[in-house]
């Protein structure tokens, strides 16, 4: 098994370098047919979506970026632990332009674990129906303890 970096996904999806795009297409065809097995991780998916939606790069909407990436995650030879969580995160990201992919992934993990409350200062979570956000509160102390500062 081999690990796919973000640039392999990006060269295929953007076709900004025709030679590399063709090589990535050939690789992904082998992955689709199950002739090659590959894997990747959350941070790579985050990077791909960040680049695709960056105004300085490609400027795609969340839904457009997900529309391009999602089919690749369902390829037969792409093995991902928690693939269903990643696919749910993509759905949340596509339908919630106010969430970045990291936040969508957090919500998908919470749903998978049956957790509804998140401790966060990020008010974007207030707009997610399945999530209740609260902020950490001081408990009788006027300042954080030495342990919390380390």
C-alpha atoms as a PDB file:
ATOM      1  CA  UNK A   1       0.000   0.000   0.000  1.00  0.00           C
ATOM      2  CA  UNK A   2       1.112   3.545  -0.754  1.00  0.00           C
ATOM      3  CA  UNK A   3       0.171   6.875   0.816  1.00  0.00           C
ATOM      4  CA  UNK A   4      -1.304   9.625  -1.397  1.00  0.00           C
ATOM      5  CA  UNK A   5      -0.205  13.197  -0.817  1.00  0.00           C
ATOM      6  CA  UNK A   6      -2.437  16.192  -1.530  1.00  0.00           C
ATOM      7  CA  UNK A   7      -0.578  17.109  -4.721  1.00  0.00           C
ATOM      8  CA  UNK A   8      -1.598  13.831  -6.390  1.00  0.00           C
ATOM      9  CA  UNK A   9      -5.267  14.642  -5.804  1.00  0.00           C
ATOM     10  CA  UNK A  10      -4.715  18.258  -6.862  1.00  0.00           C
ATOM     11  CA  UNK A  11      -2.819  17.493 -10.078  1.00  0.00           C
ATOM     12  CA  UNK A  12      -5.635  15.136 -11.120  1.00  0.00           C
ATOM     13  CA  UNK A  13      -8.477  17.441 -10.061  1.00  0.00           C
ATOM     14  CA  UNK A  14      -7.084  20.687 -11.475  1.00  0.00           C
ATOM     15  CA  UNK A  15      -5.178  19.375 -14.479  1.00  0.00           C
ATOM     16  CA  UNK A  16      -2.852  22.360 -14.090  1.00  0.00           C
ATOM     17  CA  UNK A  17       0.087  20.252 -15.257  1.00  0.00           C
ATOM     18  CA  UNK A  18      -1.079  18.021 -18.140  1.00  0.00           C
ATOM     19  CA  UNK A  19       1.770  15.483 -17.838  1.00  0.00           C
ATOM     20  CA  UNK A  20       1.332  15.037 -14.087  1.00  0.00           C
ATOM     21  CA  UNK A  21      -2.456  15.055 -14.462  1.00  0.00           C
ATOM     22  CA  UNK A  22      -2.225  12.159 -16.935  1.00  0.00           C
ATOM     23  CA  UNK A  23       0.049  10.180 -14.604  1.00  0.00           C
ATOM     24  CA  UNK A  24      -2.346  10.784 -11.703  1.00  0.00           C
ATOM     25  CA  UNK A  25      -5.288   9.763 -13.888  1.00  0.00           C
ATOM     26  CA  UNK A  26      -3.554   6.473 -14.738  1.00  0.00           C
ATOM     27  CA  UNK A  27      -2.801   5.823 -11.057  1.00  0.00           C
ATOM     28  CA  UNK A  28      -6.376   6.581 -10.001  1.00  0.00           C
ATOM     29  CA  UNK A  29      -7.726   4.295 -12.719  1.00  0.00           C
ATOM     30  CA  UNK A  30      -5.656   1.475 -11.203  1.00  0.00           C
ATOM     31  CA  UNK A  31      -7.009   2.417  -7.764  1.00  0.00           C
ATOM     32  CA  UNK A  32     -10.543   2.396  -9.157  1.00  0.00           C
ATOM     33  CA  UNK A  33     -10.059  -1.096 -10.585  1.00  0.00           C
ATOM     34  CA  UNK A  34      -8.482  -2.322  -7.351  1.00  0.00           C
ATOM     35  CA  UNK A  35      -5.123  -2.972  -9.026  1.00  0.00           C
ATOM     36  CA  UNK A  36      -3.416  -0.509  -6.706  1.00  0.00           C
ATOM     37  CA  UNK A  37      -4.193   0.098  -3.031  1.00  0.00           C
ATOM     38  CA  UNK A  38      -3.544   3.509  -1.514  1.00  0.00           C
ATOM     39  CA  UNK A  39      -4.482   5.443   1.584  1.00  0.00           C
ATOM     40  CA  UNK A  40      -4.345   9.002   2.894  1.00  0.00           C
ATOM     41  CA  UNK A  41      -5.452  10.914   5.986  1.00  0.00           C
ATOM     42  CA  UNK A  42      -7.571  13.795   7.245  1.00  0.00           C
ATOM     43  CA  UNK A  43      -4.897  16.441   6.922  1.00  0.00           C
ATOM     44  CA  UNK A  44      -4.392  15.611   3.233  1.00  0.00           C
ATOM     45  CA  UNK A  45      -8.121  15.946   2.542  1.00  0.00           C
ATOM     46  CA  UNK A  46      -8.121  19.235   4.446  1.00  0.00           C
ATOM     47  CA  UNK A  47      -5.220  20.514   2.343  1.00  0.00           C
ATOM     48  CA  UNK A  48      -6.902  19.521  -0.925  1.00  0.00           C
ATOM     49  CA  UNK A  49     -10.121  21.293   0.020  1.00  0.00           C
ATOM     50  CA  UNK A  50      -8.241  24.352   1.271  1.00  0.00           C
ATOM     51  CA  UNK A  51      -6.364  24.701  -2.026  1.00  0.00           C
ATOM     52  CA  UNK A  52      -9.443  24.084  -4.182  1.00  0.00           C
ATOM     53  CA  UNK A  53     -11.514  26.687  -2.313  1.00  0.00           C
ATOM     54  CA  UNK A  54      -8.750  29.256  -1.910  1.00  0.00           C
ATOM     55  CA  UNK A  55      -9.560  32.457  -3.774  1.00  0.00           C
ATOM     56  CA  UNK A  56      -5.876  32.851  -4.567  1.00  0.00           C
ATOM     57  CA  UNK A  57      -5.772  29.412  -6.182  1.00  0.00           C
ATOM     58  CA  UNK A  58      -8.928  27.927  -7.733  1.00  0.00           C
ATOM     59  CA  UNK A  59     -11.792  29.670  -5.910  1.00  0.00           C
ATOM     60  CA  UNK A  60     -14.240  26.774  -5.965  1.00  0.00           C
ATOM     61  CA  UNK A  61     -17.271  26.781  -3.682  1.00  0.00           C
ATOM     62  CA  UNK A  62     -17.412  24.158  -0.952  1.00  0.00           C
ATOM     63  CA  UNK A  63     -19.974  22.191  -2.961  1.00  0.00           C
ATOM     64  CA  UNK A  64     -17.865  22.334  -6.149  1.00  0.00           C
ATOM     65  CA  UNK A  65     -14.722  21.186  -4.334  1.00  0.00           C
ATOM     66  CA  UNK A  66     -16.576  18.321  -2.657  1.00  0.00           C
ATOM     67  CA  UNK A  67     -18.132  17.373  -5.991  1.00  0.00           C
ATOM     68  CA  UNK A  68     -14.642  16.847  -7.376  1.00  0.00           C
ATOM     69  CA  UNK A  69     -13.075  15.121  -4.349  1.00  0.00           C
ATOM     70  CA  UNK A  70     -15.900  12.859  -3.159  1.00  0.00           C
ATOM     71  CA  UNK A  71     -15.783  10.387  -6.090  1.00  0.00           C
ATOM     72  CA  UNK A  72     -12.080   9.799  -5.437  1.00  0.00           C
ATOM     73  CA  UNK A  73     -12.746   8.809  -1.826  1.00  0.00           C
ATOM     74  CA  UNK A  74     -15.111   6.079  -2.964  1.00  0.00           C
ATOM     75  CA  UNK A  75     -12.583   4.376  -5.266  1.00  0.00           C
ATOM     76  CA  UNK A  76     -12.293   0.664  -4.609  1.00  0.00           C
ATOM     77  CA  UNK A  77      -8.566   0.697  -3.905  1.00  0.00           C
ATOM     78  CA  UNK A  78      -8.550   3.759  -1.641  1.00  0.00           C
ATOM     79  CA  UNK A  79      -8.481   2.401   1.890  1.00  0.00           C
ATOM     80  CA  UNK A  80      -9.324   4.895   4.617  1.00  0.00           C
ATOM     81  CA  UNK A  81      -9.968   4.231   8.263  1.00  0.00           C
ATOM     82  CA  UNK A  82     -13.245   5.977   9.171  1.00  0.00           C
ATOM     83  CA  UNK A  83     -14.136   6.522   5.501  1.00  0.00           C
ATOM     84  CA  UNK A  84     -17.804   7.055   6.429  1.00  0.00           C
ATOM     85  CA  UNK A  85     -16.793   9.844   8.814  1.00  0.00           C
ATOM     86  CA  UNK A  86     -14.792  11.548   6.043  1.00  0.00           C
ATOM     87  CA  UNK A  87     -17.695  11.245   3.603  1.00  0.00           C
ATOM     88  CA  UNK A  88     -20.094  12.696   6.198  1.00  0.00           C
ATOM     89  CA  UNK A  89     -17.643  15.557   6.782  1.00  0.00           C
ATOM     90  CA  UNK A  90     -17.637  16.244   3.036  1.00  0.00           C
ATOM     91  CA  UNK A  91     -21.446  16.381   3.053  1.00  0.00           C
ATOM     92  CA  UNK A  92     -21.421  18.826   5.978  1.00  0.00           C
ATOM     93  CA  UNK A  93     -18.728  20.939   4.329  1.00  0.00           C
ATOM     94  CA  UNK A  94     -20.599  21.085   1.012  1.00  0.00           C
ATOM     95  CA  UNK A  95     -23.875  22.112   2.649  1.00  0.00           C
ATOM     96  CA  UNK A  96     -22.400  24.532   5.202  1.00  0.00           C
ATOM     97  CA  UNK A  97     -20.287  27.247   3.568  1.00  0.00           C
ATOM     98  CA  UNK A  98     -19.702  28.814   7.010  1.00  0.00           C
ATOM     99  CA  UNK A  99     -17.726  25.745   8.204  1.00  0.00           C
ATOM    100  CA  UNK A 100     -14.161  25.062   7.256  1.00  0.00           C
ATOM    101  CA  UNK A 101     -13.334  21.416   6.609  1.00  0.00           C
ATOM    102  CA  UNK A 102     -11.699  20.984  10.017  1.00  0.00           C
ATOM    103  CA  UNK A 103     -14.927  22.042  11.727  1.00  0.00           C
ATOM    104  CA  UNK A 104     -17.019  19.809   9.447  1.00  0.00           C
ATOM    105  CA  UNK A 105     -14.717  16.920  10.292  1.00  0.00           C
ATOM    106  CA  UNK A 106     -15.086  17.643  14.011  1.00  0.00           C
ATOM    107  CA  UNK A 107     -18.891  17.538  13.682  1.00  0.00           C
ATOM    108  CA  UNK A 108     -18.723  14.277  11.705  1.00  0.00           C
ATOM    109  CA  UNK A 109     -16.527  12.722  14.406  1.00  0.00           C
ATOM    110  CA  UNK A 110     -18.920  13.974  17.094  1.00  0.00           C
ATOM    111  CA  UNK A 111     -21.885  12.413  15.286  1.00  0.00           C
ATOM    112  CA  UNK A 112     -19.993   9.158  14.885  1.00  0.00           C
ATOM    113  CA  UNK A 113     -19.239   9.103  18.624  1.00  0.00           C
ATOM    114  CA  UNK A 114     -22.737  10.190  19.661  1.00  0.00           C
ATOM    115  CA  UNK A 115     -21.479  13.475  21.134  1.00  0.00           C
ATOM    116  CA  UNK A 116     -23.630  16.591  20.844  1.00  0.00           C
ATOM    117  CA  UNK A 117     -21.700  19.178  22.858  1.00  0.00           C
ATOM    118  CA  UNK A 118     -18.474  20.842  21.825  1.00  0.00           C
ATOM    119  CA  UNK A 119     -16.273  23.057  23.958  1.00  0.00           C
ATOM    120  CA  UNK A 120     -15.178  25.812  21.627  1.00  0.00           C
ATOM    121  CA  UNK A 121     -14.901  29.560  21.186  1.00  0.00           C
ATOM    122  CA  UNK A 122     -15.816  29.144  17.480  1.00  0.00           C
ATOM    123  CA  UNK A 123     -19.350  30.522  17.069  1.00  0.00           C
ATOM    124  CA  UNK A 124     -19.704  28.836  13.659  1.00  0.00           C
ATOM    125  CA  UNK A 125     -20.706  25.704  15.568  1.00  0.00           C
ATOM    126  CA  UNK A 126     -23.806  27.587  16.796  1.00  0.00           C
ATOM    127  CA  UNK A 127     -25.209  27.266  13.267  1.00  0.00           C
ATOM    128  CA  UNK A 128     -24.971  23.447  13.222  1.00  0.00           C
ATOM    129  CA  UNK A 129     -28.290  21.996  14.405  1.00  0.00           C
ATOM    130  CA  UNK A 130     -26.868  18.793  15.852  1.00  0.00           C
ATOM    131  CA  UNK A 131     -24.247  20.623  17.953  1.00  0.00           C
ATOM    132  CA  UNK A 132     -24.478  22.522  21.211  1.00  0.00           C
ATOM    133  CA  UNK A 133     -21.478  24.752  21.818  1.00  0.00           C
ATOM    134  CA  UNK A 134     -20.273  25.908  25.190  1.00  0.00           C
ATOM    135  CA  UNK A 135     -17.144  27.718  26.245  1.00  0.00           C
ATOM    136  CA  UNK A 136     -14.775  26.629  28.979  1.00  0.00           C
ATOM    137  CA  UNK A 137     -15.546  28.557  32.148  1.00  0.00           C
ATOM    138  CA  UNK A 138     -13.417  29.407  35.138  1.00  0.00           C
ATOM    139  CA  UNK A 139     -14.429  27.505  38.235  1.00  0.00           C
ATOM    140  CA  UNK A 140     -13.740  29.722  41.188  1.00  0.00           C
ATOM    141  CA  UNK A 141     -10.210  30.662  40.119  1.00  0.00           C
ATOM    142  CA  UNK A 142      -9.211  34.138  39.008  1.00  0.00           C
ATOM    143  CA  UNK A 143      -6.619  32.868  36.547  1.00  0.00           C
ATOM    144  CA  UNK A 144      -5.582  29.570  34.921  1.00  0.00           C
ATOM    145  CA  UNK A 145      -3.491  27.250  37.062  1.00  0.00           C
ATOM    146  CA  UNK A 146       0.179  26.661  36.347  1.00  0.00           C
ATOM    147  CA  UNK A 147      -0.697  23.187  34.956  1.00  0.00           C
ATOM    148  CA  UNK A 148      -3.103  24.677  32.403  1.00  0.00           C
ATOM    149  CA  UNK A 149      -0.458  27.122  31.169  1.00  0.00           C
ATOM    150  CA  UNK A 150       2.071  24.411  30.327  1.00  0.00           C
END
